[in-house]
């Protein structure tokens, strides 16, 4: 008897470790249903050991050992610094970037894991900038060990700001500029994409908790959020010279964000819609905590 189901090869799992628990999303990788959301779960657990145990129990309960997994690092566990690309050969790029950011991190650079992704070049100055991602090697090792001990097969470790480019609506938006606003209970994250490339990434301290408290007589929270959105869009338009954002996509779709959408639509020129979390025939809708886990699960999958 086979210990692991061969069906596990037809899915990929995205995982994000959040302060209150572990967010998990599974998507189909088969040709006919590629990218379809199979299901999503949020496992309440606080602390590294409790979350590792919760994930291990979930994997064994679902019999998903050896399934491919993309893991997202918690925002408190890494830093991103934008720097001008050093004028060195590709083989020397990581050492050069490590030296460049050594005074920007709060730990010994010799114990840092350093990676990068290129930022689009502005037509106005033609200077190539790189976003340099840094984390302590012990932190990265802890993620690797957590996934390994759960029984999953680690494919990649990613950061939340990049996974929006994996969404079907972004992948299909050739020549368009889309903004994605994702909200958690206490935070908001805005990413602006053009031709699937990430141009702007911002976060702010406005989440669904504050939105749910807004009344018709006191809508300053809406105005504060709109200001954050508009500043990011103005920066994109002025720095890159690629026109304006054509559509803003929101997640999640709940009563407080539906009210927000109606308010924003009266004050903006771009279209506003909600992210389509899954196909109509998907087994489950996307759980509220699992937006970035879903994006992670879609990494490398053609839709």
Protein backbone atom coordinates (compact mmCIF):
# COMPACT_ATOMS: atom_id res chain seq x y z
CA UNK A 1 0.00 0.00 0.00
CA UNK A 2 1.32 3.44 -0.91
CA UNK A 3 1.86 5.69 2.06
CA UNK A 4 1.24 8.92 0.15
CA UNK A 5 -1.44 9.57 -2.42
CA UNK A 6 -0.23 10.26 -5.96
CA UNK A 7 -2.94 12.94 -6.14
CA UNK A 8 -0.68 15.11 -3.98
CA UNK A 9 1.39 15.75 -7.11
CA UNK A 10 -1.61 17.56 -8.64
CA UNK A 11 -1.62 20.38 -6.12
CA UNK A 12 0.60 23.07 -4.69
CA UNK A 13 0.23 24.55 -1.23
CA UNK A 14 0.88 28.12 -0.16
CA UNK A 15 1.57 28.89 3.50
CA UNK A 16 1.83 32.18 5.38
CA UNK A 17 2.72 32.38 9.06
CA UNK A 18 0.70 35.17 10.65
CA UNK A 19 0.77 36.47 14.26
CA UNK A 20 -2.44 34.62 15.14
CA UNK A 21 -1.99 31.45 13.12
CA UNK A 22 -1.07 29.69 9.89
CA UNK A 23 -2.85 30.54 6.62
CA UNK A 24 -2.95 27.75 4.04
CA UNK A 25 -4.26 27.57 0.48
CA UNK A 26 -4.20 24.66 -1.97
CA UNK A 27 -4.48 25.04 -5.75
CA UNK A 28 -4.75 22.50 -8.52
CA UNK A 29 -1.74 22.09 -10.83
CA UNK A 30 -3.27 19.77 -13.44
CA UNK A 31 -3.66 21.05 -17.00
CA UNK A 32 -7.47 21.18 -17.03
CA UNK A 33 -7.90 22.83 -13.62
CA UNK A 34 -4.58 24.63 -13.32
CA UNK A 35 -4.68 27.31 -10.64
CA UNK A 36 -8.12 26.43 -9.33
CA UNK A 37 -8.49 26.89 -5.59
CA UNK A 38 -9.07 23.52 -3.94
CA UNK A 39 -9.51 24.81 -0.39
CA UNK A 40 -8.06 27.10 2.24
CA UNK A 41 -7.65 26.87 5.99
CA UNK A 42 -6.58 29.10 8.85
CA UNK A 43 -5.04 27.31 11.82
CA UNK A 44 -5.18 29.47 14.97
CA UNK A 45 -1.83 29.17 16.79
CA UNK A 46 0.51 31.67 18.41
CA UNK A 47 4.26 31.20 18.56
CA UNK A 48 6.72 29.30 16.38
CA UNK A 49 6.40 25.93 18.12
CA UNK A 50 2.61 26.01 18.25
CA UNK A 51 2.39 26.96 14.58
CA UNK A 52 4.84 24.25 13.53
CA UNK A 53 2.81 21.69 15.46
CA UNK A 54 -0.48 22.92 13.99
CA UNK A 55 0.90 22.69 10.46
CA UNK A 56 2.31 19.22 11.03
CA UNK A 57 -1.03 17.98 12.37
CA UNK A 58 -2.88 19.54 9.44
CA UNK A 59 -0.61 17.89 6.86
CA UNK A 60 -0.98 14.48 8.47
CA UNK A 61 -4.73 14.87 8.91
CA UNK A 62 -5.11 15.76 5.21
CA UNK A 63 -2.57 13.11 4.12
CA UNK A 64 -0.64 15.71 2.12
CA UNK A 65 2.92 14.62 2.85
CA UNK A 66 5.37 15.36 0.01
CA UNK A 67 3.04 17.93 -1.57
CA UNK A 68 4.82 20.91 -3.08
CA UNK A 69 4.79 23.98 -0.86
CA UNK A 70 5.65 27.67 -1.24
CA UNK A 71 6.25 29.34 2.11
CA UNK A 72 5.92 33.06 2.78
CA UNK A 73 8.12 34.77 5.32
CA UNK A 74 6.39 36.82 8.00
CA UNK A 75 6.80 40.57 7.50
CA UNK A 76 8.63 40.84 10.81
CA UNK A 77 11.28 38.37 9.67
CA UNK A 78 12.76 40.17 6.66
CA UNK A 79 13.60 43.61 5.33
CA UNK A 80 13.51 45.05 1.83
CA UNK A 81 15.82 47.87 0.76
CA UNK A 82 15.82 49.49 -2.68
CA UNK A 83 19.31 50.24 -3.97
CA UNK A 84 20.83 51.21 -7.29
CA UNK A 85 22.19 48.18 -9.11
CA UNK A 86 25.95 47.90 -8.57
CA UNK A 87 28.08 48.00 -11.72
CA UNK A 88 29.55 44.53 -11.33
CA UNK A 89 29.35 41.20 -13.11
CA UNK A 90 26.36 39.00 -12.28
CA UNK A 91 28.58 36.59 -10.35
CA UNK A 92 29.61 39.41 -8.03
CA UNK A 93 26.15 40.93 -7.58
CA UNK A 94 25.15 39.25 -4.30
CA UNK A 95 28.46 40.10 -2.56
CA UNK A 96 28.19 43.69 -3.81
CA UNK A 97 24.60 43.99 -2.57
CA UNK A 98 25.57 42.47 0.76
CA UNK A 99 28.24 45.11 1.22
CA UNK A 100 25.81 47.84 0.12
CA UNK A 101 23.17 46.99 2.75
CA UNK A 102 25.45 45.98 5.62
CA UNK A 103 24.79 49.23 7.52
CA UNK A 104 21.03 49.09 6.90
CA UNK A 105 20.29 45.90 8.84
CA UNK A 106 20.35 45.41 12.58
CA UNK A 107 22.47 42.27 12.70
CA UNK A 108 25.83 40.99 11.49
CA UNK A 109 25.85 40.86 7.69
CA UNK A 110 27.83 37.59 7.87
CA UNK A 111 24.71 35.94 9.30
CA UNK A 112 22.38 37.38 6.66
CA UNK A 113 20.66 35.66 3.76
CA UNK A 114 20.54 38.11 0.85
CA UNK A 115 18.46 37.92 -2.32
CA UNK A 116 16.99 40.49 -4.69
CA UNK A 117 14.47 41.15 -7.40
CA UNK A 118 14.74 43.89 -10.07
CA UNK A 119 12.47 46.90 -10.03
CA UNK A 120 11.15 48.22 -13.35
CA UNK A 121 13.23 50.99 -14.88
CA UNK A 122 11.69 54.45 -15.01
CA UNK A 123 11.63 55.94 -18.48
CA UNK A 124 12.60 59.25 -16.89
CA UNK A 125 16.04 58.30 -15.55
CA UNK A 126 16.85 54.80 -16.92
CA UNK A 127 18.49 53.80 -13.64
CA UNK A 128 18.14 50.15 -12.64
CA UNK A 129 17.18 49.65 -9.00
CA UNK A 130 17.00 46.35 -7.13
CA UNK A 131 14.88 45.43 -4.15
CA UNK A 132 17.22 43.61 -1.79
CA UNK A 133 15.59 41.14 0.59
CA UNK A 134 17.51 40.30 3.74
CA UNK A 135 16.85 37.94 6.64
CA UNK A 136 18.92 36.28 9.32
CA UNK A 137 20.07 32.83 8.23
CA UNK A 138 18.79 31.32 11.48
CA UNK A 139 15.33 32.69 10.67
CA UNK A 140 15.35 31.21 7.18
CA UNK A 141 16.61 27.92 8.58
CA UNK A 142 13.68 27.86 11.01
CA UNK A 143 11.21 28.17 8.11
CA UNK A 144 12.94 25.38 6.22
CA UNK A 145 12.90 23.11 9.27
CA UNK A 146 9.24 23.88 9.97
CA UNK A 147 8.17 22.90 6.45
CA UNK A 148 10.47 19.87 6.46
CA UNK A 149 9.11 18.60 9.78
CA UNK A 150 5.54 18.98 8.53
CA UNK A 151 6.19 16.51 5.72
CA UNK A 152 5.67 19.00 2.89
CA UNK A 153 8.18 19.50 0.07
CA UNK A 154 9.52 23.06 0.10
CA UNK A 155 9.67 24.53 -3.41
CA UNK A 156 10.46 28.15 -2.55
CA UNK A 157 10.45 30.77 0.17
CA UNK A 158 8.86 34.02 -0.98
CA UNK A 159 7.72 37.40 0.34
CA UNK A 160 4.06 38.54 0.38
CA UNK A 161 4.53 41.63 -1.79
CA UNK A 162 5.47 39.52 -4.82
CA UNK A 163 2.68 36.94 -4.86
CA UNK A 164 0.01 39.25 -6.27
CA UNK A 165 1.66 38.91 -9.68
CA UNK A 166 0.61 35.23 -9.67
CA UNK A 167 -3.11 36.07 -9.66
CA UNK A 168 -4.99 35.28 -12.85
CA UNK A 169 -6.36 38.81 -13.23
CA UNK A 170 -2.84 40.23 -13.08
CA UNK A 171 -1.43 37.61 -15.43
CA UNK A 172 -4.10 38.42 -18.01
CA UNK A 173 -3.84 42.22 -17.70
CA UNK A 174 -1.41 42.73 -20.59
CA UNK A 175 -0.74 46.41 -21.12
CA UNK A 176 -2.86 47.41 -18.12
CA UNK A 177 -2.01 48.84 -14.72
CA UNK A 178 -3.77 47.18 -11.79
CA UNK A 179 -3.64 47.97 -8.09
CA UNK A 180 -4.44 45.32 -5.51
CA UNK A 181 -5.54 46.35 -2.03
CA UNK A 182 -5.55 43.46 0.44
CA UNK A 183 -6.69 44.04 3.99
CA UNK A 184 -6.08 42.07 7.14
CA UNK A 185 -7.66 42.85 10.49
CA UNK A 186 -5.19 45.59 11.39
CA UNK A 187 -3.20 46.33 8.21
CA UNK A 188 -3.55 47.13 4.55
CA UNK A 189 -1.25 46.33 1.64
CA UNK A 190 -1.30 48.05 -1.74
CA UNK A 191 0.63 46.70 -4.72
CA UNK A 192 0.63 48.25 -8.19
CA UNK A 193 1.35 46.03 -11.19
CA UNK A 194 1.89 46.88 -14.84
CA UNK A 195 2.24 44.01 -17.35
CA UNK A 196 2.49 41.62 -14.35
CA UNK A 197 5.55 43.45 -12.97
CA UNK A 198 5.45 44.91 -9.47
CA UNK A 199 6.11 48.67 -9.50
CA UNK A 200 4.91 49.91 -6.11
CA UNK A 201 4.39 48.16 -2.77
CA UNK A 202 3.06 49.97 0.32
CA UNK A 203 1.64 48.96 3.68
CA UNK A 204 -0.29 50.97 6.25
CA UNK A 205 -2.06 50.58 9.59
CA UNK A 206 -5.64 50.52 8.38
CA UNK A 207 -7.42 47.18 8.31
CA UNK A 208 -10.88 45.68 8.41
CA UNK A 209 -11.16 46.30 12.15
CA UNK A 210 -11.09 50.08 11.65
CA UNK A 211 -13.30 49.89 8.58
CA UNK A 212 -15.99 48.02 10.50
CA UNK A 213 -16.22 50.92 12.97
CA UNK A 214 -16.87 53.60 10.35
CA UNK A 215 -20.21 55.39 10.59
CA UNK A 216 -21.98 57.72 8.18
CA UNK A 217 -21.15 60.64 10.47
CA UNK A 218 -17.45 59.81 10.75
CA UNK A 219 -15.80 58.65 7.54
CA UNK A 220 -12.26 59.91 8.22
CA UNK A 221 -10.90 56.34 8.04
CA UNK A 222 -12.07 56.12 4.44
CA UNK A 223 -10.37 59.43 3.69
CA UNK A 224 -7.13 58.28 5.33
CA UNK A 225 -7.11 55.10 3.28
CA UNK A 226 -7.91 56.98 0.09
CA UNK A 227 -4.98 59.31 0.80
CA UNK A 228 -2.61 56.33 1.12
CA UNK A 229 -3.93 54.87 -2.13
CA UNK A 230 -3.72 58.15 -4.00
CA UNK A 231 -0.17 58.88 -2.85
CA UNK A 232 0.99 55.49 -4.14
CA UNK A 233 -0.78 55.94 -7.46
CA UNK A 234 0.58 59.47 -7.88
CA UNK A 235 4.10 58.16 -7.26
CA UNK A 236 3.64 55.43 -9.86
CA UNK A 237 2.31 57.87 -12.43
CA UNK A 238 4.95 60.57 -11.87
CA UNK A 239 8.01 58.31 -11.48
CA UNK A 240 7.35 55.73 -14.18
CA UNK A 241 5.37 57.76 -16.70
CA UNK A 242 3.14 54.86 -17.70
CA UNK A 243 -0.20 56.55 -17.22
CA UNK A 244 -2.63 55.97 -14.40
CA UNK A 245 -4.04 52.90 -12.68
CA UNK A 246 -7.05 51.56 -14.57
CA UNK A 247 -8.51 49.33 -11.88
CA UNK A 248 -8.28 48.73 -8.14
CA UNK A 249 -8.96 45.19 -6.92
CA UNK A 250 -9.90 44.62 -3.27
CA UNK A 251 -9.77 41.65 -0.94
CA UNK A 252 -11.70 40.54 1.08
CA UNK A 253 -15.28 41.11 0.02
CA UNK A 254 -17.12 41.66 3.30
CA UNK A 255 -19.75 44.24 4.39
CA UNK A 256 -17.15 46.77 5.59
CA UNK A 257 -15.16 46.67 2.35
CA UNK A 258 -18.34 46.84 0.25
CA UNK A 259 -19.20 50.09 2.04
CA UNK A 260 -15.65 51.30 1.45
CA UNK A 261 -15.93 50.52 -2.26
CA UNK A 262 -19.09 52.57 -2.64
CA UNK A 263 -17.42 55.51 -0.88
CA UNK A 264 -14.24 55.34 -2.95
CA UNK A 265 -16.04 54.95 -6.26
CA UNK A 266 -17.65 58.36 -5.85
CA UNK A 267 -14.27 60.04 -5.37
CA UNK A 268 -12.02 58.24 -7.87
CA UNK A 269 -11.73 57.86 -11.64
CA UNK A 270 -10.46 54.26 -11.74
CA UNK A 271 -12.70 51.19 -11.66
CA UNK A 272 -13.01 49.30 -8.40
CA UNK A 273 -13.82 45.61 -8.09
CA UNK A 274 -13.13 42.68 -5.79
CA UNK A 275 -10.55 40.00 -6.36
CA UNK A 276 -12.11 36.83 -7.68
CA UNK A 277 -10.79 34.35 -5.16
CA UNK A 278 -11.76 31.17 -6.96
CA UNK A 279 -13.51 29.67 -9.94
CA UNK A 280 -17.28 29.15 -9.57
CA UNK A 281 -16.83 25.40 -9.27
CA UNK A 282 -14.04 25.55 -6.67
CA UNK A 283 -14.73 23.49 -3.58
CA UNK A 284 -14.35 26.41 -1.16
CA UNK A 285 -14.20 30.20 -1.18
CA UNK A 286 -10.93 31.69 -0.05
CA UNK A 287 -10.70 32.06 3.73
CA UNK A 288 -10.24 35.68 4.85
CA UNK A 289 -6.68 35.17 6.17
CA UNK A 290 -5.46 33.27 3.13
CA UNK A 291 -5.12 35.82 0.33
CA UNK A 292 -1.32 35.86 0.28
CA UNK A 293 -1.12 32.10 0.86
CA UNK A 294 -3.31 31.70 -2.22
CA UNK A 295 -0.96 33.91 -4.25
CA UNK A 296 1.99 31.88 -3.00
CA UNK A 297 0.32 28.61 -4.01
CA UNK A 298 -0.03 29.95 -7.57
CA UNK A 299 3.71 30.51 -7.97
CA UNK A 300 4.98 29.01 -11.23
CA UNK A 301 1.54 27.72 -12.28
CA UNK A 302 0.17 28.58 -15.71
CA UNK A 303 -3.49 29.57 -15.61
